């Protein structure tokens, strides 16, 4: 495998394993050594791909949100086919109100006073 392909493969692997660790243990408790071990690489190799832990956190965060967006896109695709019209609305209804001053609940569209969900502070 050419060097650049192997590099990209390792970056994806480290990012996926980092996301797994961050979700399971939290960012603060996760050590680069944990990610390296799960990736089958050395710590030095991880730092070859990511200069800092913050860079790795950013990469893992992007991976996480890309996965969320893909799920939402699949729900919309399903909606267009007539299958689950209310799925996205149900997803939005699980969101808490934005703040004390919201006039309209961002999830269900109800007046915040009528919503019944506690606003975020």
PDB file of N, CA and C in Angstrom:
ATOM      1  N   UNK A   1       0.855  -1.176   0.000  1.00  0.00           N
ATOM      2  CA  UNK A   1       0.000   0.000   0.000  1.00  0.00           C
ATOM      3  C   UNK A   1       0.902   1.241   0.000  1.00  0.00           C
ATOM      4  N   UNK A   2       0.646   2.182  -0.889  1.00  0.00           N
ATOM      5  CA  UNK A   2       1.457   3.408  -0.919  1.00  0.00           C
ATOM      6  C   UNK A   2       1.409   4.141   0.425  1.00  0.00           C
ATOM      7  N   UNK A   3       2.483   4.862   0.711  1.00  0.00           N
ATOM      8  CA  UNK A   3       2.642   5.549   1.990  1.00  0.00           C
ATOM      9  C   UNK A   3       1.452   6.459   2.328  1.00  0.00           C
ATOM     10  N   UNK A   4       0.990   7.252   1.380  1.00  0.00           N
ATOM     11  CA  UNK A   4      -0.104   8.197   1.645  1.00  0.00           C
ATOM     12  C   UNK A   4      -1.411   7.468   1.966  1.00  0.00           C
ATOM     13  N   UNK A   5      -1.673   6.354   1.293  1.00  0.00           N
ATOM     14  CA  UNK A   5      -2.874   5.567   1.590  1.00  0.00           C
ATOM     15  C   UNK A   5      -2.808   4.995   3.002  1.00  0.00           C
ATOM     16  N   UNK A   6      -1.620   4.481   3.388  1.00  0.00           N
ATOM     17  CA  UNK A   6      -1.453   3.944   4.743  1.00  0.00           C
ATOM     18  C   UNK A   6      -1.618   5.044   5.781  1.00  0.00           C
ATOM     19  N   UNK A   7      -1.093   6.217   5.486  1.00  0.00           N
ATOM     20  CA  UNK A   7      -1.226   7.356   6.394  1.00  0.00           C
ATOM     21  C   UNK A   7      -2.699   7.701   6.612  1.00  0.00           C
ATOM     22  N   UNK A   8      -3.460   7.794   5.532  1.00  0.00           N
ATOM     23  CA  UNK A   8      -4.895   8.117   5.630  1.00  0.00           C
ATOM     24  C   UNK A   8      -5.656   7.024   6.387  1.00  0.00           C
ATOM     25  N   UNK A   9      -5.284   5.777   6.139  1.00  0.00           N
ATOM     26  CA  UNK A   9      -5.918   4.658   6.843  1.00  0.00           C
ATOM     27  C   UNK A   9      -5.652   4.755   8.349  1.00  0.00           C
ATOM     28  N   UNK A  10      -4.417   5.051   8.713  1.00  0.00           N
ATOM     29  CA  UNK A  10      -4.073   5.179  10.128  1.00  0.00           C
ATOM     30  C   UNK A  10      -4.752   6.371  10.782  1.00  0.00           C
ATOM     31  N   UNK A  11      -4.861   7.477  10.069  1.00  0.00           N
ATOM     32  CA  UNK A  11      -5.548   8.656  10.619  1.00  0.00           C
ATOM     33  C   UNK A  11      -7.012   8.306  10.897  1.00  0.00           C
ATOM     34  N   UNK A  12      -7.662   7.620   9.964  1.00  0.00           N
ATOM     35  CA  UNK A  12      -9.063   7.208  10.181  1.00  0.00           C
ATOM     36  C   UNK A  12      -9.173   6.265  11.367  1.00  0.00           C
ATOM     37  N   UNK A  13      -8.264   5.301  11.447  1.00  0.00           N
ATOM     38  CA  UNK A  13      -8.285   4.331  12.543  1.00  0.00           C
ATOM     39  C   UNK A  13      -8.108   5.026  13.888  1.00  0.00           C
ATOM     40  N   UNK A  14      -7.120   5.898  13.991  1.00  0.00           N
ATOM     41  CA  UNK A  14      -6.858   6.602  15.256  1.00  0.00           C
ATOM     42  C   UNK A  14      -8.058   7.470  15.622  1.00  0.00           C
ATOM     43  N   UNK A  15      -8.636   8.143  14.641  1.00  0.00           N
ATOM     44  CA  UNK A  15      -9.796   9.004  14.910  1.00  0.00           C
ATOM     45  C   UNK A  15     -10.969   8.188  15.424  1.00  0.00           C
ATOM     46  N   UNK A  16     -11.232   7.040  14.809  1.00  0.00           N
ATOM     47  CA  UNK A  16     -12.339   6.183  15.250  1.00  0.00           C
ATOM     48  C   UNK A  16     -12.105   5.653  16.664  1.00  0.00           C
ATOM     49  N   UNK A  17     -10.872   5.206  16.928  1.00  0.00           N
ATOM     50  CA  UNK A  17     -10.567   4.681  18.266  1.00  0.00           C
ATOM     51  C   UNK A  17     -10.605   5.797  19.309  1.00  0.00           C
ATOM     52  N   UNK A  18     -10.177   6.987  18.927  1.00  0.00           N
ATOM     53  CA  UNK A  18     -10.242   8.132  19.849  1.00  0.00           C
ATOM     54  C   UNK A  18     -11.694   8.446  20.183  1.00  0.00           C
ATOM     55  N   UNK A  19     -12.553   8.464  19.175  1.00  0.00           N
ATOM     56  CA  UNK A  19     -13.970   8.729  19.428  1.00  0.00           C
ATOM     57  C   UNK A  19     -14.545   7.684  20.371  1.00  0.00           C
ATOM     58  N   UNK A  20     -14.231   6.418  20.144  1.00  0.00           N
ATOM     59  CA  UNK A  20     -14.696   5.360  21.047  1.00  0.00           C
ATOM     60  C   UNK A  20     -14.249   5.635  22.487  1.00  0.00           C
ATOM     61  N   UNK A  21     -12.988   5.985  22.658  1.00  0.00           N
ATOM     62  CA  UNK A  21     -12.452   6.259  24.001  1.00  0.00           C
ATOM     63  C   UNK A  21     -13.111   7.486  24.628  1.00  0.00           C
ATOM     64  N   UNK A  22     -13.244   8.551  23.850  1.00  0.00           N
ATOM     65  CA  UNK A  22     -13.836   9.778  24.382  1.00  0.00           C
ATOM     66  C   UNK A  22     -15.277   9.545  24.820  1.00  0.00           C
ATOM     67  N   UNK A  23     -16.026   8.777  24.027  1.00  0.00           N
ATOM     68  CA  UNK A  23     -17.415   8.504  24.384  1.00  0.00           C
ATOM     69  C   UNK A  23     -17.522   7.600  25.604  1.00  0.00           C
ATOM     70  N   UNK A  24     -16.604   6.669  25.728  1.00  0.00           N
ATOM     71  CA  UNK A  24     -16.658   5.729  26.847  1.00  0.00           C
ATOM     72  C   UNK A  24     -16.104   6.319  28.150  1.00  0.00           C
ATOM     73  N   UNK A  25     -14.981   7.038  28.050  1.00  0.00           N
ATOM     74  CA  UNK A  25     -14.280   7.487  29.253  1.00  0.00           C
ATOM     75  C   UNK A  25     -14.302   8.997  29.470  1.00  0.00           C
ATOM     76  N   UNK A  26     -14.712   9.743  28.471  1.00  0.00           N
ATOM     77  CA  UNK A  26     -14.623  11.201  28.547  1.00  0.00           C
ATOM     78  C   UNK A  26     -13.281  11.670  28.006  1.00  0.00           C
ATOM     79  N   UNK A  27     -13.259  12.905  27.565  1.00  0.00           N
ATOM     80  CA  UNK A  27     -12.041  13.452  26.963  1.00  0.00           C
ATOM     81  C   UNK A  27     -10.919  13.568  27.988  1.00  0.00           C
ATOM     82  N   UNK A  28     -11.233  14.074  29.162  1.00  0.00           N
ATOM     83  CA  UNK A  28     -10.200  14.301  30.183  1.00  0.00           C
ATOM     84  C   UNK A  28      -9.531  13.010  30.635  1.00  0.00           C
ATOM     85  N   UNK A  29     -10.314  11.948  30.791  1.00  0.00           N
ATOM     86  CA  UNK A  29      -9.756  10.696  31.307  1.00  0.00           C
ATOM     87  C   UNK A  29      -9.062   9.864  30.234  1.00  0.00           C
ATOM     88  N   UNK A  30      -9.322  10.169  28.980  1.00  0.00           N
ATOM     89  CA  UNK A  30      -8.697   9.411  27.898  1.00  0.00           C
ATOM     90  C   UNK A  30      -7.262   9.861  27.697  1.00  0.00           C
ATOM     91  N   UNK A  31      -6.373   8.914  27.658  1.00  0.00           N
ATOM     92  CA  UNK A  31      -4.952   9.184  27.423  1.00  0.00           C
ATOM     93  C   UNK A  31      -4.584   8.765  25.998  1.00  0.00           C
ATOM     94  N   UNK A  32      -3.620   9.441  25.434  1.00  0.00           N
ATOM     95  CA  UNK A  32      -3.147   9.081  24.100  1.00  0.00           C
ATOM     96  C   UNK A  32      -2.672   7.629  24.087  1.00  0.00           C
ATOM     97  N   UNK A  33      -2.111   7.173  25.192  1.00  0.00           N
ATOM     98  CA  UNK A  33      -1.661   5.778  25.282  1.00  0.00           C
ATOM     99  C   UNK A  33      -2.829   4.807  25.091  1.00  0.00           C
ATOM    100  N   UNK A  34      -4.014   5.159  25.618  1.00  0.00           N
ATOM    101  CA  UNK A  34      -5.202   4.313  25.447  1.00  0.00           C
ATOM    102  C   UNK A  34      -5.581   4.216  23.972  1.00  0.00           C
ATOM    103  N   UNK A  35      -5.580   5.361  23.309  1.00  0.00           N
ATOM    104  CA  UNK A  35      -5.950   5.419  21.891  1.00  0.00           C
ATOM    105  C   UNK A  35      -4.927   4.655  21.054  1.00  0.00           C
ATOM    106  N   UNK A  36      -3.658   4.847  21.361  1.00  0.00           N
ATOM    107  CA  UNK A  36      -2.601   4.151  20.620  1.00  0.00           C
ATOM    108  C   UNK A  36      -2.744   2.642  20.765  1.00  0.00           C
ATOM    109  N   UNK A  37      -2.979   2.195  22.000  1.00  0.00           N
ATOM    110  CA  UNK A  37      -3.121   0.754  22.250  1.00  0.00           C
ATOM    111  C   UNK A  37      -4.278   0.180  21.440  1.00  0.00           C
ATOM    112  N   UNK A  38      -5.441   0.847  21.460  1.00  0.00           N
ATOM    113  CA  UNK A  38      -6.599   0.361  20.710  1.00  0.00           C
ATOM    114  C   UNK A  38      -6.375   0.401  19.198  1.00  0.00           C
ATOM    115  N   UNK A  39      -5.544   1.335  18.762  1.00  0.00           N
ATOM    116  CA  UNK A  39      -5.254   1.485  17.331  1.00  0.00           C
ATOM    117  C   UNK A  39      -4.172   0.531  16.853  1.00  0.00           C
ATOM    118  N   UNK A  40      -3.454  -0.083  17.808  1.00  0.00           N
ATOM    119  CA  UNK A  40      -2.343  -0.952  17.434  1.00  0.00           C
ATOM    120  C   UNK A  40      -1.118  -0.171  16.998  1.00  0.00           C
ATOM    121  N   UNK A  41      -1.021   1.066  17.460  1.00  0.00           N
ATOM    122  CA  UNK A  41       0.099   1.941  17.110  1.00  0.00           C
ATOM    123  C   UNK A  41       0.812   2.384  18.376  1.00  0.00           C
ATOM    124  N   UNK A  42       1.942   3.024  18.215  1.00  0.00           N
ATOM    125  CA  UNK A  42       2.644   3.606  19.357  1.00  0.00           C
ATOM    126  C   UNK A  42       2.125   5.027  19.589  1.00  0.00           C
ATOM    127  N   UNK A  43       2.367   5.542  20.783  1.00  0.00           N
ATOM    128  CA  UNK A  43       2.009   6.938  21.064  1.00  0.00           C
ATOM    129  C   UNK A  43       2.713   7.867  20.082  1.00  0.00           C
ATOM    130  N   UNK A  44       3.955   7.554  19.803  1.00  0.00           N
ATOM    131  CA  UNK A  44       4.729   8.383  18.874  1.00  0.00           C
ATOM    132  C   UNK A  44       4.053   8.440  17.493  1.00  0.00           C
ATOM    133  N   UNK A  45       3.521   7.304  17.047  1.00  0.00           N
ATOM    134  CA  UNK A  45       2.816   7.268  15.758  1.00  0.00           C
ATOM    135  C   UNK A  45       1.554   8.127  15.806  1.00  0.00           C
ATOM    136  N   UNK A  46       0.824   8.062  16.915  1.00  0.00           N
ATOM    137  CA  UNK A  46      -0.385   8.884  17.049  1.00  0.00           C
ATOM    138  C   UNK A  46      -0.012  10.354  16.933  1.00  0.00           C
ATOM    139  N   UNK A  47       1.065  10.754  17.612  1.00  0.00           N
ATOM    140  CA  UNK A  47       1.496  12.152  17.555  1.00  0.00           C
ATOM    141  C   UNK A  47       2.087  12.526  16.189  1.00  0.00           C
ATOM    142  N   UNK A  48       2.440  11.546  15.402  1.00  0.00           N
ATOM    143  CA  UNK A  48       2.882  11.828  14.028  1.00  0.00           C
ATOM    144  C   UNK A  48       1.684  12.302  13.193  1.00  0.00           C
ATOM    145  N   UNK A  49       0.487  11.769  13.512  1.00  0.00           N
ATOM    146  CA  UNK A  49      -0.721  12.120  12.766  1.00  0.00           C
ATOM    147  C   UNK A  49      -1.467  13.305  13.376  1.00  0.00           C
ATOM    148  N   UNK A  50      -1.365  13.462  14.683  1.00  0.00           N
ATOM    149  CA  UNK A  50      -2.044  14.541  15.405  1.00  0.00           C
ATOM    150  C   UNK A  50      -1.033  15.187  16.346  1.00  0.00           C
ATOM    151  N   UNK A  51      -0.747  16.457  16.134  1.00  0.00           N
ATOM    152  CA  UNK A  51       0.282  17.131  16.933  1.00  0.00           C
ATOM    153  C   UNK A  51      -0.085  17.226  18.408  1.00  0.00           C
ATOM    154  N   UNK A  52      -1.382  17.405  18.700  1.00  0.00           N
ATOM    155  CA  UNK A  52      -1.812  17.546  20.091  1.00  0.00           C
ATOM    156  C   UNK A  52      -3.076  16.718  20.323  1.00  0.00           C
ATOM    157  N   UNK A  53      -3.396  16.504  21.579  1.00  0.00           N
ATOM    158  CA  UNK A  53      -4.635  15.826  21.922  1.00  0.00           C
ATOM    159  C   UNK A  53      -5.821  16.665  21.446  1.00  0.00           C
ATOM    160  N   UNK A  54      -5.706  17.978  21.509  1.00  0.00           N
ATOM    161  CA  UNK A  54      -6.785  18.861  21.049  1.00  0.00           C
ATOM    162  C   UNK A  54      -7.072  18.632  19.565  1.00  0.00           C
ATOM    163  N   UNK A  55      -6.037  18.416  18.763  1.00  0.00           N
ATOM    164  CA  UNK A  55      -6.240  18.121  17.338  1.00  0.00           C
ATOM    165  C   UNK A  55      -7.021  16.820  17.161  1.00  0.00           C
ATOM    166  N   UNK A  56      -6.718  15.856  17.993  1.00  0.00           N
ATOM    167  CA  UNK A  56      -7.409  14.568  17.931  1.00  0.00           C
ATOM    168  C   UNK A  56      -8.859  14.707  18.391  1.00  0.00           C
ATOM    169  N   UNK A  57      -9.083  15.507  19.416  1.00  0.00           N
ATOM    170  CA  UNK A  57     -10.451  15.767  19.884  1.00  0.00           C
ATOM    171  C   UNK A  57     -11.268  16.414  18.766  1.00  0.00           C
ATOM    172  N   UNK A  58     -10.681  17.367  18.073  1.00  0.00           N
ATOM    173  CA  UNK A  58     -11.376  18.031  16.969  1.00  0.00           C
ATOM    174  C   UNK A  58     -11.709  17.028  15.863  1.00  0.00           C
ATOM    175  N   UNK A  59     -10.759  16.196  15.494  1.00  0.00           N
ATOM    176  CA  UNK A  59     -10.986  15.208  14.449  1.00  0.00           C
ATOM    177  C   UNK A  59     -12.086  14.218  14.847  1.00  0.00           C
ATOM    178  N   UNK A  60     -12.048  13.748  16.092  1.00  0.00           N
ATOM    179  CA  UNK A  60     -13.065  12.813  16.582  1.00  0.00           C
ATOM    180  C   UNK A  60     -14.434  13.494  16.643  1.00  0.00           C
ATOM    181  N   UNK A  61     -14.469  14.766  17.016  1.00  0.00           N
ATOM    182  CA  UNK A  61     -15.729  15.512  17.063  1.00  0.00           C
ATOM    183  C   UNK A  61     -16.335  15.639  15.673  1.00  0.00           C
ATOM    184  N   UNK A  62     -15.505  15.919  14.687  1.00  0.00           N
ATOM    185  CA  UNK A  62     -15.988  16.009  13.310  1.00  0.00           C
ATOM    186  C   UNK A  62     -16.547  14.673  12.841  1.00  0.00           C
ATOM    187  N   UNK A  63     -15.872  13.588  13.187  1.00  0.00           N
ATOM    188  CA  UNK A  63     -16.362  12.262  12.839  1.00  0.00           C
ATOM    189  C   UNK A  63     -17.721  12.014  13.481  1.00  0.00           C
ATOM    190  N   UNK A  64     -17.847  12.339  14.756  1.00  0.00           N
ATOM    191  CA  UNK A  64     -19.101  12.151  15.486  1.00  0.00           C
ATOM    192  C   UNK A  64     -20.239  12.918  14.819  1.00  0.00           C
ATOM    193  N   UNK A  65     -20.028  14.207  14.547  1.00  0.00           N
ATOM    194  CA  UNK A  65     -21.102  15.031  13.974  1.00  0.00           C
ATOM    195  C   UNK A  65     -21.401  14.632  12.533  1.00  0.00           C
ATOM    196  N   UNK A  66     -20.423  14.168  11.793  1.00  0.00           N
ATOM    197  CA  UNK A  66     -20.708  13.653  10.453  1.00  0.00           C
ATOM    198  C   UNK A  66     -21.624  12.436  10.518  1.00  0.00           C
ATOM    199  N   UNK A  67     -21.406  11.591  11.512  1.00  0.00           N
ATOM    200  CA  UNK A  67     -22.282  10.423  11.687  1.00  0.00           C
ATOM    201  C   UNK A  67     -23.699  10.852  12.047  1.00  0.00           C
ATOM    202  N   UNK A  68     -23.829  11.847  12.920  1.00  0.00           N
ATOM    203  CA  UNK A  68     -25.154  12.359  13.285  1.00  0.00           C
ATOM    204  C   UNK A  68     -25.858  12.908  12.048  1.00  0.00           C
ATOM    205  N   UNK A  69     -25.157  13.708  11.263  1.00  0.00           N
ATOM    206  CA  UNK A  69     -25.759  14.293  10.062  1.00  0.00           C
ATOM    207  C   UNK A  69     -26.172  13.223   9.059  1.00  0.00           C
ATOM    208  N   UNK A  70     -25.388  12.159   8.934  1.00  0.00           N
ATOM    209  CA  UNK A  70     -25.759  11.070   8.030  1.00  0.00           C
ATOM    210  C   UNK A  70     -27.040  10.389   8.493  1.00  0.00           C
ATOM    211  N   UNK A  71     -27.191  10.219   9.808  1.00  0.00           N
ATOM    212  CA  UNK A  71     -28.425   9.612  10.333  1.00  0.00           C
ATOM    213  C   UNK A  71     -29.621  10.502  10.037  1.00  0.00           C
ATOM    214  N   UNK A  72     -29.451  11.790  10.243  1.00  0.00           N
ATOM    215  CA  UNK A  72     -30.547  12.724   9.955  1.00  0.00           C
ATOM    216  C   UNK A  72     -30.882  12.683   8.469  1.00  0.00           C
ATOM    217  N   UNK A  73     -29.869  12.654   7.626  1.00  0.00           N
ATOM    218  CA  UNK A  73     -30.101  12.582   6.185  1.00  0.00           C
ATOM    219  C   UNK A  73     -30.870  11.312   5.820  1.00  0.00           C
ATOM    220  N   UNK A  74     -30.503  10.185   6.438  1.00  0.00           N
ATOM    221  CA  UNK A  74     -31.227   8.932   6.171  1.00  0.00           C
ATOM    222  C   UNK A  74     -32.686   9.045   6.596  1.00  0.00           C
ATOM    223  N   UNK A  75     -32.942   9.733   7.721  1.00  0.00           N
ATOM    224  CA  UNK A  75     -34.332   9.923   8.153  1.00  0.00           C
ATOM    225  C   UNK A  75     -35.106  10.723   7.120  1.00  0.00           C
ATOM    226  N   UNK A  76     -34.486  11.787   6.588  1.00  0.00           N
ATOM    227  CA  UNK A  76     -35.148  12.585   5.569  1.00  0.00           C
ATOM    228  C   UNK A  76     -35.383  11.776   4.299  1.00  0.00           C
ATOM    229  N   UNK A  77     -34.402  10.950   3.913  1.00  0.00           N
ATOM    230  CA  UNK A  77     -34.575  10.101   2.737  1.00  0.00           C
ATOM    231  C   UNK A  77     -35.771   9.176   2.936  1.00  0.00           C
ATOM    232  N   UNK A  78     -35.877   8.617   4.123  1.00  0.00           N
ATOM    233  CA  UNK A  78     -36.986   7.724   4.452  1.00  0.00           C
ATOM    234  C   UNK A  78     -38.302   8.489   4.427  1.00  0.00           C
ATOM    235  N   UNK A  79     -38.293   9.732   4.951  1.00  0.00           N
ATOM    236  CA  UNK A  79     -39.501  10.568   4.946  1.00  0.00           C
ATOM    237  C   UNK A  79     -39.980  10.809   3.522  1.00  0.00           C
ATOM    238  N   UNK A  80     -39.052  11.112   2.615  1.00  0.00           N
ATOM    239  CA  UNK A  80     -39.427  11.383   1.225  1.00  0.00           C
ATOM    240  C   UNK A  80     -40.075  10.177   0.579  1.00  0.00           C
ATOM    241  N   UNK A  81     -39.736   9.008   1.067  1.00  0.00           N
ATOM    242  CA  UNK A  81     -40.340   7.789   0.530  1.00  0.00           C
ATOM    243  C   UNK A  81     -41.654   7.473   1.234  1.00  0.00           C
ATOM    244  N   UNK A  82     -42.047   8.324   2.171  1.00  0.00           N
ATOM    245  CA  UNK A  82     -43.344   8.166   2.815  1.00  0.00           C
ATOM    246  C   UNK A  82     -43.348   7.268   4.026  1.00  0.00           C
ATOM    247  N   UNK A  83     -42.184   6.929   4.559  1.00  0.00           N
ATOM    248  CA  UNK A  83     -42.139   5.955   5.635  1.00  0.00           C
ATOM    249  C   UNK A  83     -42.311   6.475   7.039  1.00  0.00           C
ATOM    250  N   UNK A  84     -41.583   7.506   7.429  1.00  0.00           N
ATOM    251  CA  UNK A  84     -41.579   7.865   8.851  1.00  0.00           C
ATOM    252  C   UNK A  84     -41.800   9.365   9.049  1.00  0.00           C
ATOM    253  N   UNK A  85     -42.719   9.951   8.387  1.00  0.00           N
ATOM    254  CA  UNK A  85     -42.951  11.394   8.380  1.00  0.00           C
ATOM    255  C   UNK A  85     -42.725  12.135   9.678  1.00  0.00           C
ATOM    256  N   UNK A  86     -42.969  11.508  10.810  1.00  0.00           N
ATOM    257  CA  UNK A  86     -42.856  12.217  12.079  1.00  0.00           C
ATOM    258  C   UNK A  86     -41.519  11.989  12.781  1.00  0.00           C
ATOM    259  N   UNK A  87     -40.641  11.176  12.215  1.00  0.00           N
ATOM    260  CA  UNK A  87     -39.401  10.821  12.898  1.00  0.00           C
ATOM    261  C   UNK A  87     -38.580  12.038  13.274  1.00  0.00           C
ATOM    262  N   UNK A  88     -38.381  12.941  12.332  1.00  0.00           N
ATOM    263  CA  UNK A  88     -37.544  14.099  12.615  1.00  0.00           C
ATOM    264  C   UNK A  88     -38.200  14.989  13.659  1.00  0.00           C
ATOM    265  N   UNK A  89     -39.510  15.172  13.581  1.00  0.00           N
ATOM    266  CA  UNK A  89     -40.222  15.967  14.584  1.00  0.00           C
ATOM    267  C   UNK A  89     -40.073  15.339  15.966  1.00  0.00           C
ATOM    268  N   UNK A  90     -40.148  14.020  16.043  1.00  0.00           N
ATOM    269  CA  UNK A  90     -39.969  13.343  17.323  1.00  0.00           C
ATOM    270  C   UNK A  90     -38.559  13.547  17.851  1.00  0.00           C
ATOM    271  N   UNK A  91     -37.579  13.524  16.965  1.00  0.00           N
ATOM    272  CA  UNK A  91     -36.202  13.776  17.365  1.00  0.00           C
ATOM    273  C   UNK A  91     -36.073  15.176  17.948  1.00  0.00           C
ATOM    274  N   UNK A  92     -36.645  16.153  17.268  1.00  0.00           N
ATOM    275  CA  UNK A  92     -36.558  17.529  17.749  1.00  0.00           C
ATOM    276  C   UNK A  92     -37.259  17.708  19.089  1.00  0.00           C
ATOM    277  N   UNK A  93     -38.319  16.967  19.313  1.00  0.00           N
ATOM    278  CA  UNK A  93     -39.052  17.106  20.570  1.00  0.00           C
ATOM    279  C   UNK A  93     -38.252  16.622  21.769  1.00  0.00           C
ATOM    280  N   UNK A  94     -37.206  15.874  21.535  1.00  0.00           N
ATOM    281  CA  UNK A  94     -36.382  15.414  22.649  1.00  0.00           C
ATOM    282  C   UNK A  94     -35.405  16.487  23.118  1.00  0.00           C
ATOM    283  N   UNK A  95     -35.287  17.576  22.350  1.00  0.00           N
ATOM    284  CA  UNK A  95     -34.356  18.642  22.714  1.00  0.00           C
ATOM    285  C   UNK A  95     -34.927  19.490  23.840  1.00  0.00           C
ATOM    286  N   UNK A  96     -34.082  19.919  24.762  1.00  0.00           N
ATOM    287  CA  UNK A  96     -34.561  20.827  25.801  1.00  0.00           C
ATOM    288  C   UNK A  96     -34.742  22.222  25.225  1.00  0.00           C
ATOM    289  N   UNK A  97     -35.520  23.051  25.908  1.00  0.00           N
ATOM    290  CA  UNK A  97     -35.689  24.436  25.478  1.00  0.00           C
ATOM    291  C   UNK A  97     -34.330  25.133  25.483  1.00  0.00           C
ATOM    292  N   UNK A  98     -34.176  26.124  24.637  1.00  0.00           N
ATOM    293  CA  UNK A  98     -32.903  26.813  24.490  1.00  0.00           C
ATOM    294  C   UNK A  98     -32.481  27.632  25.687  1.00  0.00           C
ATOM    295  N   UNK A  99     -33.370  28.409  26.261  1.00  0.00           N
ATOM    296  CA  UNK A  99     -33.011  29.238  27.409  1.00  0.00           C
ATOM    297  C   UNK A  99     -34.274  29.763  28.061  1.00  0.00           C
ATOM    298  N   UNK A 100     -34.124  30.412  29.169  1.00  0.00           N
ATOM    299  CA  UNK A 100     -35.263  30.974  29.891  1.00  0.00           C
ATOM    300  C   UNK A 100     -36.053  31.955  29.039  1.00  0.00           C
ATOM    301  N   UNK A 101     -35.367  32.685  28.161  1.00  0.00           N
ATOM    302  CA  UNK A 101     -36.024  33.725  27.394  1.00  0.00           C
ATOM    303  C   UNK A 101     -36.642  33.264  26.082  1.00  0.00           C
ATOM    304  N   UNK A 102     -36.573  31.979  25.761  1.00  0.00           N
ATOM    305  CA  UNK A 102     -37.149  31.524  24.496  1.00  0.00           C
ATOM    306  C   UNK A 102     -38.647  31.735  24.477  1.00  0.00           C
ATOM    307  N   UNK A 103     -39.125  32.314  23.387  1.00  0.00           N
ATOM    308  CA  UNK A 103     -40.568  32.465  23.224  1.00  0.00           C
ATOM    309  C   UNK A 103     -41.161  31.199  22.627  1.00  0.00           C
ATOM    310  N   UNK A 104     -40.380  30.513  21.815  1.00  0.00           N
ATOM    311  CA  UNK A 104     -40.845  29.291  21.161  1.00  0.00           C
ATOM    312  C   UNK A 104     -39.847  28.187  21.426  1.00  0.00           C
ATOM    313  N   UNK A 105     -40.357  27.012  21.777  1.00  0.00           N
ATOM    314  CA  UNK A 105     -39.501  25.853  22.010  1.00  0.00           C
ATOM    315  C   UNK A 105     -38.890  25.437  20.679  1.00  0.00           C
ATOM    316  N   UNK A 106     -37.555  25.306  20.601  1.00  0.00           N
ATOM    317  CA  UNK A 106     -36.921  24.980  19.331  1.00  0.00           C
ATOM    318  C   UNK A 106     -37.245  23.583  18.830  1.00  0.00           C
ATOM    319  N   UNK A 107     -37.642  22.685  19.712  1.00  0.00           N
ATOM    320  CA  UNK A 107     -37.922  21.325  19.284  1.00  0.00           C
ATOM    321  C   UNK A 107     -39.326  21.132  18.775  1.00  0.00           C
ATOM    322  N   UNK A 108     -40.333  21.546  19.561  1.00  0.00           N
ATOM    323  CA  UNK A 108     -41.705  21.239  19.177  1.00  0.00           C
ATOM    324  C   UNK A 108     -42.453  22.447  18.629  1.00  0.00           C
ATOM    325  N   UNK A 109     -41.887  23.640  18.733  1.00  0.00           N
ATOM    326  CA  UNK A 109     -42.548  24.827  18.206  1.00  0.00           C
ATOM    327  C   UNK A 109     -43.598  25.405  19.127  1.00  0.00           C
ATOM    328  N   UNK A 110     -43.806  24.784  20.278  1.00  0.00           N
ATOM    329  CA  UNK A 110     -44.813  25.285  21.216  1.00  0.00           C
ATOM    330  C   UNK A 110     -44.289  26.507  21.951  1.00  0.00           C
ATOM    331  N   UNK A 111     -45.199  27.285  22.441  1.00  0.00           N
ATOM    332  CA  UNK A 111     -44.840  28.399  23.309  1.00  0.00           C
ATOM    333  C   UNK A 111     -44.088  27.810  24.495  1.00  0.00           C
ATOM    334  N   UNK A 112     -42.973  28.408  24.867  1.00  0.00           N
ATOM    335  CA  UNK A 112     -42.124  27.852  25.933  1.00  0.00           C
ATOM    336  C   UNK A 112     -42.903  27.638  27.221  1.00  0.00           C
ATOM    337  N   UNK A 113     -43.852  28.514  27.528  1.00  0.00           N
ATOM    338  CA  UNK A 113     -44.634  28.374  28.754  1.00  0.00           C
ATOM    339  C   UNK A 113     -45.543  27.154  28.690  1.00  0.00           C
ATOM    340  N   UNK A 114     -45.938  26.744  27.492  1.00  0.00           N
ATOM    341  CA  UNK A 114     -46.847  25.608  27.330  1.00  0.00           C
ATOM    342  C   UNK A 114     -46.119  24.300  27.068  1.00  0.00           C
ATOM    343  N   UNK A 115     -44.851  24.390  26.831  1.00  0.00           N
ATOM    344  CA  UNK A 115     -44.086  23.231  26.379  1.00  0.00           C
ATOM    345  C   UNK A 115     -44.042  22.116  27.422  1.00  0.00           C
ATOM    346  N   UNK A 116     -43.837  22.463  28.661  1.00  0.00           N
ATOM    347  CA  UNK A 116     -43.745  21.449  29.704  1.00  0.00           C
ATOM    348  C   UNK A 116     -42.341  20.931  29.909  1.00  0.00           C
ATOM    349  N   UNK A 117     -41.406  21.313  29.075  1.00  0.00           N
ATOM    350  CA  UNK A 117     -40.023  20.913  29.261  1.00  0.00           C
ATOM    351  C   UNK A 117     -39.283  22.047  29.922  1.00  0.00           C
ATOM    352  N   UNK A 118     -38.415  21.695  30.845  1.00  0.00           N
ATOM    353  CA  UNK A 118     -37.654  22.725  31.537  1.00  0.00           C
ATOM    354  C   UNK A 118     -36.646  23.357  30.589  1.00  0.00           C
ATOM    355  N   UNK A 119     -36.596  24.687  30.537  1.00  0.00           N
ATOM    356  CA  UNK A 119     -35.594  25.337  29.693  1.00  0.00           C
ATOM    357  C   UNK A 119     -34.198  25.121  30.229  1.00  0.00           C
ATOM    358  N   UNK A 120     -33.220  25.125  29.327  1.00  0.00           N
ATOM    359  CA  UNK A 120     -31.813  25.084  29.744  1.00  0.00           C
ATOM    360  C   UNK A 120     -31.441  26.424  30.323  1.00  0.00           C
ATOM    361  N   UNK A 121     -30.528  26.400  31.250  1.00  0.00           N
ATOM    362  CA  UNK A 121     -30.012  27.665  31.793  1.00  0.00           C
ATOM    363  C   UNK A 121     -28.732  28.020  31.131  1.00  0.00           C
TER     364      UNK A 121
END
